Protein backbone atom coordinates (compact mmCIF):
# COMPACT_ATOMS: atom_id res chain seq x y z
CA UNK A 1 29.29 3.15 0.87
CA UNK A 2 29.53 6.47 2.60
CA UNK A 3 33.04 7.79 3.02
CA UNK A 4 33.06 10.38 5.81
CA UNK A 5 35.77 12.52 7.31
CA UNK A 6 34.66 13.25 10.88
CA UNK A 7 36.30 15.56 13.36
CA UNK A 8 35.58 14.84 17.02
CA UNK A 9 34.74 17.33 19.74
CA UNK A 10 36.17 16.07 23.02
CA UNK A 11 35.87 17.10 26.65
CA UNK A 12 38.67 17.69 29.13
CA UNK A 13 39.17 13.93 29.57
CA UNK A 14 39.35 13.40 25.79
CA UNK A 15 35.93 11.68 25.72
CA UNK A 16 34.19 12.13 22.39
CA UNK A 17 31.13 14.35 22.77
CA UNK A 18 30.21 15.36 19.22
CA UNK A 19 31.19 14.96 15.58
CA UNK A 20 31.78 17.64 12.98
CA UNK A 21 31.28 16.65 9.35
CA UNK A 22 31.71 18.52 6.11
CA UNK A 23 28.34 19.42 4.60
CA UNK A 24 29.07 17.21 1.59
CA UNK A 25 29.56 14.20 3.88
CA UNK A 26 26.31 14.97 5.71
CA UNK A 27 24.41 15.30 2.42
CA UNK A 28 25.78 11.95 1.30
CA UNK A 29 24.64 10.33 4.56
CA UNK A 30 21.15 11.81 4.21
CA UNK A 31 20.96 10.62 0.60
CA UNK A 32 21.95 7.08 1.62
CA UNK A 33 19.39 7.07 4.44
CA UNK A 34 16.63 8.21 2.06
CA UNK A 35 17.57 5.42 -0.34
CA UNK A 36 17.49 2.92 2.52
CA UNK A 37 14.02 4.16 3.50
CA UNK A 38 12.86 3.62 -0.10
CA UNK A 39 14.27 0.09 -0.11
CA UNK A 40 12.56 -0.73 3.18
CA UNK A 41 9.24 0.66 1.93
CA UNK A 42 9.56 -1.43 -1.25
CA UNK A 43 10.36 -4.55 0.76
CA UNK A 44 7.38 -3.94 3.04
CA UNK A 45 5.09 -3.44 0.04
CA UNK A 46 6.30 -6.70 -1.48
CA UNK A 47 5.17 -8.57 1.66
CA UNK A 48 1.55 -7.56 1.01
CA UNK A 49 1.10 -9.13 -2.42
CA UNK A 50 -2.50 -10.13 -1.59
CA UNK A 51 -3.41 -6.41 -1.54
CA UNK A 52 -2.27 -5.82 -5.11
CA UNK A 53 -4.68 -4.74 -7.80
CA UNK A 54 -4.03 -4.00 -11.46
CA UNK A 55 -2.98 -0.42 -12.25
CA UNK A 56 -6.02 0.17 -14.46
CA UNK A 57 -8.36 -0.91 -11.66
CA UNK A 58 -6.61 1.43 -9.21
CA UNK A 59 -6.98 4.36 -11.62
CA UNK A 60 -10.67 3.53 -12.14
CA UNK A 61 -11.31 3.37 -8.38
CA UNK A 62 -9.55 6.70 -7.84
CA UNK A 63 -11.62 8.32 -10.61
CA UNK A 64 -14.83 6.93 -9.13
CA UNK A 65 -13.96 8.25 -5.68
CA UNK A 66 -13.00 11.62 -7.13
CA UNK A 67 -16.23 11.96 -9.14
CA UNK A 68 -18.46 10.92 -6.22
């Protein structure tokens, strides 16, 4: 879990308008989001099991396309 330490920018009525984060917190958030994207891509790929082919067949098809 991401542990952040935000500071809020407020207007005259004390309404929150923006957040300031330390760079290390921001980098942690970006890293977590990238990992989440990877997980979602993996989950989506798992839903298309009918499209799977053996690795050796994929390599062969790529070589054939490359040589053509």
